[in-house]
Protein backbone atom coordinates (compact mmCIF):
# COMPACT_ATOMS: atom_id res chain seq x y z
CA MET A 1 111.40 44.12 230.62
CA LYS A 2 113.93 46.50 232.07
CA ILE A 3 117.06 47.16 230.06
CA LYS A 4 120.18 47.31 232.22
CA GLY A 5 123.78 48.26 231.53
CA THR A 6 125.18 51.05 229.41
CA VAL A 7 125.66 51.58 225.70
CA GLU A 8 129.43 51.62 226.27
CA GLU A 9 129.55 48.37 228.25
CA GLY A 10 126.57 46.59 226.71
CA LEU A 11 122.83 46.40 227.32
CA TYR A 12 121.09 43.38 228.82
CA THR A 13 118.06 42.21 230.72
CA GLU A 14 117.40 39.45 233.22
CA LEU A 15 114.35 37.30 232.54
CA MET A 16 112.44 34.32 233.85
CA ASP A 17 110.89 31.80 231.50
CA ALA A 18 107.39 30.30 231.83
CA GLU A 19 108.76 27.60 234.16
CA GLY A 20 110.55 30.04 236.47
CA ASP A 21 114.09 29.54 235.17
CA GLU A 22 116.18 32.72 235.14
CA PHE A 23 118.39 33.69 232.21
CA ILE A 24 120.19 36.72 230.77
CA VAL A 25 119.64 38.30 227.38
CA ASN A 26 122.40 40.49 225.92
CA PHE A 27 121.42 43.03 223.28
CA ASP A 28 123.94 43.42 220.50
CA PHE A 29 124.36 46.51 218.34
CA ASP A 30 122.96 44.65 215.35
CA GLY A 31 119.30 44.46 216.36
CA CYS A 32 119.78 40.98 217.77
CA ALA A 33 119.47 39.45 221.22
CA THR A 34 121.80 36.76 222.58
CA ILE A 35 120.16 34.47 225.12
CA LYS A 36 122.59 32.91 227.57
CA THR A 37 121.43 29.44 228.59
CA SER A 38 124.60 27.71 229.74
CA GLU A 39 122.91 26.18 232.80
CA LEU A 40 119.59 25.35 231.10
CA ARG A 41 118.65 22.57 228.71
CA TYR A 42 115.82 24.60 227.18
CA LEU A 43 113.70 27.74 227.58
CA LYS A 44 109.92 27.80 227.64
CA LEU A 45 108.61 31.16 226.44
CA THR A 46 105.02 32.23 225.87
CA SER A 47 104.04 34.23 222.78
CA GLU A 48 103.67 37.29 225.03
CA MET A 49 107.22 36.82 226.32
CA LEU A 50 108.52 36.54 222.75
CA ASN A 51 106.68 39.70 221.73
CA ASP A 52 108.07 41.54 224.77
CA LEU A 53 111.58 40.33 223.94
CA ALA A 54 111.25 41.50 220.33
CA TYR A 55 110.07 44.94 221.49
CA THR A 56 112.83 45.19 224.10
CA THR A 57 115.40 44.30 221.41
CA TYR A 58 113.97 47.13 219.29
CA ILE A 59 114.25 49.60 222.20
CA ALA A 60 117.83 48.49 222.97
CA ASP A 61 118.76 49.08 219.33
CA LYS A 62 117.25 52.58 219.54
CA LYS A 63 119.40 53.25 222.64
CA TYR A 64 122.53 52.07 220.82
CA ASN A 65 121.70 54.47 217.97
CA ASN A 66 121.09 57.37 220.40
CA GLU A 67 117.47 57.62 219.27
CA LEU A 68 116.12 57.51 222.84
């Protein structure tokens, strides 16, 4: 997953779920990820996708804390 944006304006990534639906994940400064799903009824994520999202959230938090 590629992290986009800047620390000043906010970090995010664009993803596709297991069924091919695209969505955006915003990374907050609190070690959390906000998944925007306004046009979707549900997301279907594999365990690998969830692990990748958790790791990407960790990396985004490191960027916010100037550790990378």
